[in-house]
Amino acid sequence: MLAKLMKVNEKTVETSKLADFVQNASSRDKKKVFKQVLKASSAEQRKVIEQAASMR
């Protein structure tokens, strides 16, 4: 009876694509993606800094 009640209260939670990637990807793939993200975010930050400098 208790097991039946527990099953009723269980909810299936869908994971995001990011969560799936983090849990299932190899270390090599994670490093590759992380490196790309760092390059892209650094480029965006440089653009913001350049824009701010040109406003002065």
C-alpha atoms as a PDB file:
ATOM      1  CA  MET A   1       0.000   0.000   0.000  1.00  0.00           C
ATOM      2  CA  LEU A   2       2.764   2.430   0.901  1.00  0.00           C
ATOM      3  CA  ALA A   3       4.556   1.690  -2.366  1.00  0.00           C
ATOM      4  CA  LYS A   4       1.357   2.470  -4.249  1.00  0.00           C
ATOM      5  CA  LEU A   5       1.055   5.836  -2.514  1.00  0.00           C
ATOM      6  CA  MET A   6       4.661   6.671  -3.231  1.00  0.00           C
ATOM      7  CA  LYS A   7       4.199   5.973  -6.935  1.00  0.00           C
ATOM      8  CA  VAL A   8       1.248   8.342  -7.095  1.00  0.00           C
ATOM      9  CA  ASN A   9       3.343  11.144  -5.631  1.00  0.00           C
ATOM     10  CA  GLU A  10       6.342  10.582  -7.919  1.00  0.00           C
ATOM     11  CA  LYS A  11       6.721  13.154 -10.639  1.00  0.00           C
ATOM     12  CA  THR A  12       8.700  12.671 -13.804  1.00  0.00           C
ATOM     13  CA  VAL A  13      11.111  15.539 -14.224  1.00  0.00           C
ATOM     14  CA  GLU A  14      12.381  16.305 -17.681  1.00  0.00           C
ATOM     15  CA  THR A  15      15.996  17.333 -17.869  1.00  0.00           C
ATOM     16  CA  SER A  16      17.296  20.073 -20.097  1.00  0.00           C
ATOM     17  CA  LYS A  17      19.634  19.458 -22.997  1.00  0.00           C
ATOM     18  CA  LEU A  18      22.364  21.175 -21.011  1.00  0.00           C
ATOM     19  CA  ALA A  19      21.849  18.874 -18.025  1.00  0.00           C
ATOM     20  CA  ASP A  20      21.914  15.840 -20.310  1.00  0.00           C
ATOM     21  CA  PHE A  21      25.123  17.061 -21.911  1.00  0.00           C
ATOM     22  CA  VAL A  22      26.826  17.714 -18.579  1.00  0.00           C
ATOM     23  CA  GLN A  23      25.834  14.298 -17.240  1.00  0.00           C
ATOM     24  CA  ASN A  24      26.560  12.245 -20.350  1.00  0.00           C
ATOM     25  CA  ALA A  25      29.294  13.935 -22.389  1.00  0.00           C
ATOM     26  CA  SER A  26      32.893  12.894 -22.215  1.00  0.00           C
ATOM     27  CA  SER A  27      35.423  15.126 -20.528  1.00  0.00           C
ATOM     28  CA  ARG A  28      36.938  15.851 -23.935  1.00  0.00           C
ATOM     29  CA  ASP A  29      33.620  17.074 -25.333  1.00  0.00           C
ATOM     30  CA  LYS A  30      32.926  19.203 -22.272  1.00  0.00           C
ATOM     31  CA  LYS A  31      36.341  20.869 -22.560  1.00  0.00           C
ATOM     32  CA  LYS A  32      35.759  21.535 -26.249  1.00  0.00           C
ATOM     33  CA  VAL A  33      32.402  23.201 -25.633  1.00  0.00           C
ATOM     34  CA  PHE A  34      33.694  25.123 -22.613  1.00  0.00           C
ATOM     35  CA  LYS A  35      36.576  26.472 -24.687  1.00  0.00           C
ATOM     36  CA  GLN A  36      34.178  27.669 -27.404  1.00  0.00           C
ATOM     37  CA  VAL A  37      31.922  29.337 -24.836  1.00  0.00           C
ATOM     38  CA  LEU A  38      34.883  31.113 -23.227  1.00  0.00           C
ATOM     39  CA  LYS A  39      36.099  32.393 -26.598  1.00  0.00           C
ATOM     40  CA  ALA A  40      32.656  33.690 -27.546  1.00  0.00           C
ATOM     41  CA  SER A  41      32.005  35.350 -24.187  1.00  0.00           C
ATOM     42  CA  SER A  42      35.461  36.946 -24.171  1.00  0.00           C
ATOM     43  CA  ALA A  43      34.845  38.380 -27.641  1.00  0.00           C
ATOM     44  CA  GLU A  44      31.522  39.822 -26.495  1.00  0.00           C
ATOM     45  CA  GLN A  45      33.138  41.361 -23.430  1.00  0.00           C
ATOM     46  CA  ARG A  46      35.851  42.936 -25.587  1.00  0.00           C
ATOM     47  CA  LYS A  47      33.155  44.497 -27.798  1.00  0.00           C
ATOM     48  CA  VAL A  48      31.389  45.988 -24.775  1.00  0.00           C
ATOM     49  CA  ILE A  49      34.650  47.408 -23.425  1.00  0.00           C
ATOM     50  CA  GLU A  50      35.529  48.904 -26.827  1.00  0.00           C
ATOM     51  CA  GLN A  51      32.079  50.479 -27.122  1.00  0.00           C
ATOM     52  CA  ALA A  52      32.349  51.962 -23.652  1.00  0.00           C
ATOM     53  CA  ALA A  53      35.817  53.334 -24.411  1.00  0.00           C
ATOM     54  CA  SER A  54      34.615  54.936 -27.641  1.00  0.00           C
ATOM     55  CA  MET A  55      31.777  56.707 -25.784  1.00  0.00           C
ATOM     56  CA  ARG A  56      34.210  58.677 -23.632  1.00  0.00           C
END
